[in-house]
Protein backbone atom coordinates (compact mmCIF):
# COMPACT_ATOMS: atom_id res chain seq x y z
CA UNK A 1 0.00 0.00 0.00
CA UNK A 2 1.40 3.37 -0.98
CA UNK A 3 1.63 6.23 1.49
CA UNK A 4 -0.81 8.23 -0.64
CA UNK A 5 -3.39 5.42 -0.66
CA UNK A 6 -2.96 4.98 3.11
CA UNK A 7 -3.42 8.72 3.70
CA UNK A 8 -6.63 8.75 1.67
CA UNK A 9 -7.89 5.63 3.45
CA UNK A 10 -7.12 7.13 6.86
CA UNK A 11 -9.40 10.05 5.99
CA UNK A 12 -12.15 7.71 4.75
CA UNK A 13 -12.04 5.71 8.00
CA UNK A 14 -13.32 8.85 9.74
CA UNK A 15 -11.91 7.95 13.16
CA UNK A 16 -12.79 10.51 15.81
CA UNK A 17 -9.83 11.99 17.67
CA UNK A 18 -11.69 11.98 20.97
CA UNK A 19 -13.51 8.69 20.39
CA UNK A 20 -10.70 6.28 19.51
CA UNK A 21 -9.54 5.96 23.10
CA UNK A 22 -5.87 6.75 22.63
CA UNK A 23 -3.53 8.67 24.91
CA UNK A 24 -3.99 12.25 23.75
CA UNK A 25 -0.88 13.33 25.64
CA UNK A 26 1.16 10.84 23.59
CA UNK A 27 -0.39 12.20 20.41
CA UNK A 28 0.72 15.73 21.31
CA UNK A 29 4.32 14.60 20.78
CA UNK A 30 3.35 14.10 17.13
CA UNK A 31 0.93 17.02 16.82
CA UNK A 32 3.14 19.75 18.27
CA UNK A 33 6.02 19.38 15.79
CA UNK A 34 3.46 19.09 13.00
CA UNK A 35 1.94 22.37 14.13
CA UNK A 36 5.37 23.98 14.44
CA UNK A 37 6.38 22.87 10.94
CA UNK A 38 9.33 20.85 12.28
CA UNK A 39 9.19 18.08 9.69
CA UNK A 40 12.20 16.12 10.98
CA UNK A 41 10.86 16.02 14.55
CA UNK A 42 7.35 15.26 13.29
CA UNK A 43 8.57 12.25 11.29
CA UNK A 44 10.69 11.04 14.23
CA UNK A 45 7.78 11.37 16.67
CA UNK A 46 5.41 9.70 14.22
CA UNK A 47 7.77 6.73 13.91
CA UNK A 48 8.31 6.52 17.67
CA UNK A 49 4.75 6.99 18.92
CA UNK A 50 2.79 5.03 16.31
CA UNK A 51 3.58 1.61 17.84
CA UNK A 52 2.90 2.97 21.33
CA UNK A 53 -0.50 4.35 20.34
CA UNK A 54 -1.28 1.14 18.44
CA UNK A 55 -0.59 -1.07 21.44
CA UNK A 56 -2.33 1.24 23.89
CA UNK A 57 -5.71 1.27 22.21
CA UNK A 58 -5.59 2.33 18.57
CA UNK A 59 -5.47 -1.21 17.19
CA UNK A 60 -9.09 -2.14 17.90
CA UNK A 61 -10.82 0.95 16.45
CA UNK A 62 -8.60 0.93 13.35
CA UNK A 63 -9.14 -2.76 12.70
CA UNK A 64 -12.91 -2.37 13.22
CA UNK A 65 -13.03 0.61 10.85
CA UNK A 66 -10.97 -1.27 8.26
CA UNK A 67 -13.20 -4.33 8.51
CA UNK A 68 -16.28 -2.17 7.98
CA UNK A 69 -14.68 -0.44 4.99
CA UNK A 70 -13.59 -3.78 3.52
CA UNK A 71 -17.13 -5.16 3.87
CA UNK A 72 -18.30 -2.12 1.90
CA UNK A 73 -15.95 -3.07 -0.91
CA UNK A 74 -13.01 -0.75 -0.21
CA UNK A 75 -10.04 -2.54 -1.79
CA UNK A 76 -7.55 -0.28 0.00
CA UNK A 77 -9.06 -1.38 3.30
CA UNK A 78 -8.56 -5.01 2.32
CA UNK A 79 -4.95 -4.27 1.43
CA UNK A 80 -4.43 -2.43 4.72
CA UNK A 81 -5.80 -5.38 6.70
CA UNK A 82 -3.25 -7.61 5.01
CA UNK A 83 -0.46 -5.11 5.67
CA UNK A 84 -1.40 -5.02 9.36
CA UNK A 85 -1.41 -8.82 9.47
CA UNK A 86 2.12 -8.79 8.04
CA UNK A 87 3.63 -5.74 9.74
CA UNK A 88 1.43 -4.88 12.74
CA UNK A 89 1.98 -1.36 14.06
CA UNK A 90 4.57 -0.74 11.33
CA UNK A 91 1.91 -1.01 8.59
CA UNK A 92 1.59 2.01 6.34
CA UNK A 93 -2.06 2.54 7.28
CA UNK A 94 -1.28 2.68 10.99
CA UNK A 95 1.21 5.50 10.54
CA UNK A 96 -1.25 7.27 8.22
CA UNK A 97 -4.01 7.04 10.85
CA UNK A 98 -1.73 8.49 13.55
CA UNK A 99 -0.69 11.28 11.17
CA UNK A 100 -4.35 12.01 10.42
CA UNK A 101 -5.26 12.06 14.12
CA UNK A 102 -2.33 14.39 14.82
CA UNK A 103 -3.57 16.73 12.08
CA UNK A 104 -7.05 16.59 13.61
CA UNK A 105 -5.51 17.52 16.96
CA UNK A 106 -3.71 20.50 15.43
CA UNK A 107 -6.96 21.64 13.82
CA UNK A 108 -8.78 21.27 17.14
CA UNK A 109 -6.07 23.27 18.94
CA UNK A 110 -6.34 26.08 16.39
CA UNK A 111 -10.14 26.13 16.60
CA UNK A 112 -10.07 26.15 20.39
CA UNK A 113 -7.47 28.92 20.45
CA UNK A 114 -9.52 31.04 18.01
CA UNK A 115 -12.68 30.50 20.07
CA UNK A 116 -10.93 31.48 23.30
CA UNK A 117 -9.45 34.59 21.72
CA UNK A 118 -12.85 35.54 20.35
CA UNK A 119 -14.31 35.42 23.86
CA UNK A 120 -11.68 37.71 25.36
CA UNK A 121 -12.85 41.21 26.16
CA UNK A 122 -11.17 43.85 24.05
């Protein structure tokens, strides 16, 4: 599975940042360098924290979402299931899901910050 196909599939899985049951503090180690534009640190953190997040709760919701997508005929989901069977937390889709969740976290941080600033008296 290519990185591009995994990225697109991660979006289609529509996993909710606050509903997947992962350690959000762990995810900040990926989200903060993404937000700061520090690509080297982002890639390092993504590599380091993906297996941790996978083993601490991400595996079940991702596998359930992939199974549902595969039943709906998504060939990329079928491919991702096979990649997970072969490579576990090192599968391309797993890293893509963590990257997508980190991007969702960055978006949520920006939205929250904008809302807080909008409420401040001038």
